[in-house]
Amino acid sequence: MEEIRQAVHAYILDNFLPGEDPAELTDQTPLITGGILDSIRTLKLVVFLEDKFGVTVEAHEAGVDNLDSVGQISRLIAKKKHAA
């Protein structure tokens, strides 16, 4: 799961928070409710997750319950990879 977390963390920093201090993005930083991810950015994140990890994120999973933090995203992807 650490590999997933690191990849998600790096993707969010590179694509949505360029120039920010990496230490500021923790596993609990609110991404959707904190305004970092809007609908377009969330869609881009989902495409990255599906391409990078070979999983499918269903429409009902692509919301604040699963994608609001690096920790939530990592758990979702680990669960999907384990189920596959």
N, C-alpha and C. Protein backbone atom coordinates (compact mmCIF):
# COMPACT_ATOMS: atom_id res chain seq x y z
N MET A 1 0.82 -1.19 0.00
CA MET A 1 0.00 0.00 0.00
C MET A 1 0.86 1.26 0.00
N GLU A 2 2.07 1.17 0.52
CA GLU A 2 2.97 2.33 0.54
C GLU A 2 3.31 2.78 -0.88
N GLU A 3 3.49 1.82 -1.79
CA GLU A 3 3.77 2.16 -3.19
C GLU A 3 2.60 2.93 -3.80
N ILE A 4 1.40 2.51 -3.50
CA ILE A 4 0.19 3.20 -3.99
C ILE A 4 0.15 4.61 -3.43
N ARG A 5 0.36 4.72 -2.11
CA ARG A 5 0.31 6.03 -1.46
C ARG A 5 1.33 7.00 -2.06
N GLN A 6 2.54 6.51 -2.28
CA GLN A 6 3.59 7.37 -2.84
C GLN A 6 3.25 7.82 -4.25
N ALA A 7 2.71 6.92 -5.07
CA ALA A 7 2.35 7.27 -6.44
C ALA A 7 1.22 8.30 -6.48
N VAL A 8 0.22 8.11 -5.63
CA VAL A 8 -0.91 9.05 -5.57
C VAL A 8 -0.42 10.41 -5.06
N HIS A 9 0.38 10.39 -4.02
CA HIS A 9 0.94 11.62 -3.44
C HIS A 9 1.71 12.40 -4.50
N ALA A 10 2.59 11.72 -5.22
CA ALA A 10 3.40 12.37 -6.25
C ALA A 10 2.53 12.92 -7.37
N TYR A 11 1.52 12.16 -7.79
CA TYR A 11 0.65 12.61 -8.88
C TYR A 11 -0.10 13.88 -8.48
N ILE A 12 -0.65 13.90 -7.28
CA ILE A 12 -1.40 15.08 -6.83
C ILE A 12 -0.49 16.29 -6.72
N LEU A 13 0.70 16.10 -6.16
CA LEU A 13 1.65 17.22 -6.06
C LEU A 13 2.03 17.75 -7.44
N ASP A 14 2.38 16.86 -8.34
CA ASP A 14 2.86 17.26 -9.66
C ASP A 14 1.77 17.93 -10.50
N ASN A 15 0.55 17.42 -10.41
CA ASN A 15 -0.51 17.88 -11.30
C ASN A 15 -1.43 18.94 -10.72
N PHE A 16 -1.63 18.93 -9.41
CA PHE A 16 -2.60 19.84 -8.82
C PHE A 16 -2.01 20.83 -7.82
N LEU A 17 -0.81 20.56 -7.34
CA LEU A 17 -0.17 21.44 -6.34
C LEU A 17 1.29 21.70 -6.69
N PRO A 18 1.57 22.09 -7.94
CA PRO A 18 2.97 22.30 -8.32
C PRO A 18 3.61 23.40 -7.47
N GLY A 19 4.82 23.13 -7.00
CA GLY A 19 5.55 24.10 -6.21
C GLY A 19 5.24 24.07 -4.72
N GLU A 20 4.24 23.30 -4.33
CA GLU A 20 3.90 23.21 -2.91
C GLU A 20 4.91 22.33 -2.17
N ASP A 21 5.05 22.56 -0.90
CA ASP A 21 5.91 21.73 -0.05
C ASP A 21 5.28 20.35 0.07
N PRO A 22 5.99 19.30 -0.35
CA PRO A 22 5.43 17.95 -0.28
C PRO A 22 4.96 17.56 1.12
N ALA A 23 5.58 18.11 2.15
CA ALA A 23 5.21 17.79 3.52
C ALA A 23 3.82 18.33 3.88
N GLU A 24 3.35 19.31 3.13
CA GLU A 24 2.03 19.89 3.39
C GLU A 24 0.90 18.97 2.95
N LEU A 25 1.18 18.05 2.04
CA LEU A 25 0.17 17.09 1.58
C LEU A 25 0.32 15.81 2.38
N THR A 26 -0.52 15.66 3.40
CA THR A 26 -0.47 14.48 4.25
C THR A 26 -1.51 13.47 3.77
N ASP A 27 -1.54 12.32 4.42
CA ASP A 27 -2.54 11.29 4.09
C ASP A 27 -3.95 11.74 4.44
N GLN A 28 -4.08 12.76 5.29
CA GLN A 28 -5.39 13.23 5.71
C GLN A 28 -5.79 14.57 5.11
N THR A 29 -4.95 15.20 4.32
CA THR A 29 -5.28 16.48 3.72
C THR A 29 -6.56 16.34 2.90
N PRO A 30 -7.59 17.17 3.18
CA PRO A 30 -8.83 17.07 2.42
C PRO A 30 -8.65 17.59 0.99
N LEU A 31 -8.88 16.72 0.03
CA LEU A 31 -8.67 17.08 -1.38
C LEU A 31 -9.92 17.67 -2.02
N ILE A 32 -11.05 17.00 -1.86
CA ILE A 32 -12.30 17.49 -2.46
C ILE A 32 -12.91 18.56 -1.56
N THR A 33 -13.09 18.23 -0.28
CA THR A 33 -13.70 19.19 0.64
C THR A 33 -12.78 20.38 0.90
N GLY A 34 -11.49 20.22 0.66
CA GLY A 34 -10.53 21.31 0.83
C GLY A 34 -10.36 22.16 -0.42
N GLY A 35 -11.03 21.80 -1.51
CA GLY A 35 -10.98 22.60 -2.73
C GLY A 35 -9.80 22.32 -3.65
N ILE A 36 -8.99 21.32 -3.35
CA ILE A 36 -7.87 20.98 -4.22
C ILE A 36 -8.38 20.28 -5.47
N LEU A 37 -9.34 19.38 -5.30
CA LEU A 37 -9.93 18.66 -6.43
C LEU A 37 -11.33 19.20 -6.73
N ASP A 38 -11.53 19.67 -7.95
CA ASP A 38 -12.87 19.99 -8.43
C ASP A 38 -13.31 18.82 -9.31
N SER A 39 -14.41 18.94 -10.00
CA SER A 39 -14.92 17.79 -10.77
C SER A 39 -13.97 17.37 -11.89
N ILE A 40 -13.37 18.32 -12.58
CA ILE A 40 -12.45 17.99 -13.67
C ILE A 40 -11.18 17.34 -13.12
N ARG A 41 -10.64 17.89 -12.07
CA ARG A 41 -9.43 17.32 -11.47
C ARG A 41 -9.70 15.93 -10.90
N THR A 42 -10.89 15.73 -10.34
CA THR A 42 -11.25 14.42 -9.82
C THR A 42 -11.30 13.40 -10.95
N LEU A 43 -11.86 13.80 -12.08
CA LEU A 43 -11.91 12.92 -13.25
C LEU A 43 -10.50 12.57 -13.73
N LYS A 44 -9.62 13.57 -13.78
CA LYS A 44 -8.23 13.31 -14.17
C LYS A 44 -7.55 12.35 -13.20
N LEU A 45 -7.82 12.51 -11.92
CA LEU A 45 -7.26 11.61 -10.91
C LEU A 45 -7.76 10.19 -11.12
N VAL A 46 -9.05 10.04 -11.38
CA VAL A 46 -9.62 8.71 -11.61
C VAL A 46 -8.97 8.04 -12.83
N VAL A 47 -8.79 8.79 -13.91
CA VAL A 47 -8.14 8.24 -15.11
C VAL A 47 -6.72 7.79 -14.77
N PHE A 48 -5.99 8.60 -14.01
CA PHE A 48 -4.64 8.22 -13.58
C PHE A 48 -4.68 6.92 -12.77
N LEU A 49 -5.59 6.84 -11.79
CA LEU A 49 -5.66 5.65 -10.94
C LEU A 49 -5.97 4.41 -11.75
N GLU A 50 -6.89 4.53 -12.69
CA GLU A 50 -7.26 3.38 -13.52
C GLU A 50 -6.10 2.94 -14.41
N ASP A 51 -5.42 3.91 -15.01
CA ASP A 51 -4.30 3.60 -15.89
C ASP A 51 -3.10 3.04 -15.12
N LYS A 52 -2.77 3.68 -14.02
CA LYS A 52 -1.58 3.32 -13.25
C LYS A 52 -1.72 1.96 -12.54
N PHE A 53 -2.91 1.71 -12.00
CA PHE A 53 -3.08 0.54 -11.15
C PHE A 53 -3.94 -0.55 -11.76
N GLY A 54 -4.46 -0.34 -12.97
CA GLY A 54 -5.23 -1.37 -13.66
C GLY A 54 -6.53 -1.73 -12.96
N VAL A 55 -7.17 -0.73 -12.36
CA VAL A 55 -8.45 -0.95 -11.68
C VAL A 55 -9.52 -0.10 -12.35
N THR A 56 -10.76 -0.35 -12.00
CA THR A 56 -11.87 0.48 -12.46
C THR A 56 -12.50 1.14 -11.25
N VAL A 57 -12.55 2.47 -11.29
CA VAL A 57 -13.22 3.23 -10.24
C VAL A 57 -14.63 3.51 -10.74
N GLU A 58 -15.60 2.90 -10.08
CA GLU A 58 -17.00 3.09 -10.49
C GLU A 58 -17.47 4.50 -10.15
N ALA A 59 -18.50 4.96 -10.87
CA ALA A 59 -19.01 6.32 -10.67
C ALA A 59 -19.39 6.57 -9.21
N HIS A 60 -20.02 5.60 -8.57
CA HIS A 60 -20.44 5.80 -7.18
C HIS A 60 -19.25 5.82 -6.20
N GLU A 61 -18.08 5.41 -6.67
CA GLU A 61 -16.88 5.42 -5.82
C GLU A 61 -16.07 6.70 -5.98
N ALA A 62 -16.38 7.48 -7.02
CA ALA A 62 -15.57 8.66 -7.35
C ALA A 62 -16.08 9.91 -6.66
N GLY A 63 -16.15 9.85 -5.35
CA GLY A 63 -16.63 10.99 -4.59
C GLY A 63 -15.88 11.18 -3.30
N VAL A 64 -16.43 12.02 -2.46
CA VAL A 64 -15.78 12.41 -1.22
C VAL A 64 -15.55 11.22 -0.27
N ASP A 65 -16.38 10.18 -0.36
CA ASP A 65 -16.22 9.03 0.53
C ASP A 65 -14.95 8.23 0.25
N ASN A 66 -14.45 8.28 -0.98
CA ASN A 66 -13.27 7.48 -1.34
C ASN A 66 -12.08 8.29 -1.83
N LEU A 67 -12.32 9.53 -2.27
CA LEU A 67 -11.25 10.28 -2.92
C LEU A 67 -10.91 11.60 -2.23
N ASP A 68 -11.28 11.75 -0.97
CA ASP A 68 -11.05 13.05 -0.31
C ASP A 68 -9.69 13.16 0.36
N SER A 69 -8.90 12.09 0.35
CA SER A 69 -7.55 12.18 0.92
C SER A 69 -6.67 11.11 0.28
N VAL A 70 -5.38 11.32 0.38
CA VAL A 70 -4.43 10.33 -0.14
C VAL A 70 -4.65 9.00 0.56
N GLY A 71 -4.92 9.04 1.85
CA GLY A 71 -5.16 7.81 2.61
C GLY A 71 -6.38 7.05 2.10
N GLN A 72 -7.49 7.77 1.87
CA GLN A 72 -8.70 7.13 1.35
C GLN A 72 -8.47 6.54 -0.03
N ILE A 73 -7.79 7.29 -0.88
CA ILE A 73 -7.52 6.82 -2.24
C ILE A 73 -6.66 5.56 -2.19
N SER A 74 -5.63 5.57 -1.37
CA SER A 74 -4.73 4.41 -1.25
C SER A 74 -5.48 3.17 -0.79
N ARG A 75 -6.36 3.35 0.20
CA ARG A 75 -7.15 2.21 0.70
C ARG A 75 -8.09 1.68 -0.38
N LEU A 76 -8.73 2.57 -1.14
CA LEU A 76 -9.63 2.15 -2.19
C LEU A 76 -8.89 1.33 -3.25
N ILE A 77 -7.74 1.83 -3.70
CA ILE A 77 -6.98 1.14 -4.73
C ILE A 77 -6.44 -0.19 -4.21
N ALA A 78 -5.95 -0.22 -2.98
CA ALA A 78 -5.44 -1.47 -2.40
C ALA A 78 -6.56 -2.50 -2.31
N LYS A 79 -7.75 -2.08 -1.92
CA LYS A 79 -8.89 -2.97 -1.81
C LYS A 79 -9.26 -3.52 -3.20
N LYS A 80 -9.26 -2.64 -4.20
CA LYS A 80 -9.62 -3.08 -5.56
C LYS A 80 -8.57 -4.03 -6.13
N LYS A 81 -7.31 -3.75 -5.89
CA LYS A 81 -6.25 -4.63 -6.38
C LYS A 81 -6.30 -5.99 -5.69
N HIS A 82 -6.62 -5.98 -4.41
CA HIS A 82 -6.71 -7.24 -3.66
C HIS A 82 -7.89 -8.08 -4.15
N ALA A 83 -8.98 -7.44 -4.51
CA ALA A 83 -10.18 -8.14 -4.96
C ALA A 83 -10.02 -8.70 -6.37
N ALA A 84 -9.10 -8.11 -7.13
CA ALA A 84 -8.94 -8.51 -8.54
C ALA A 84 -8.29 -9.87 -8.69
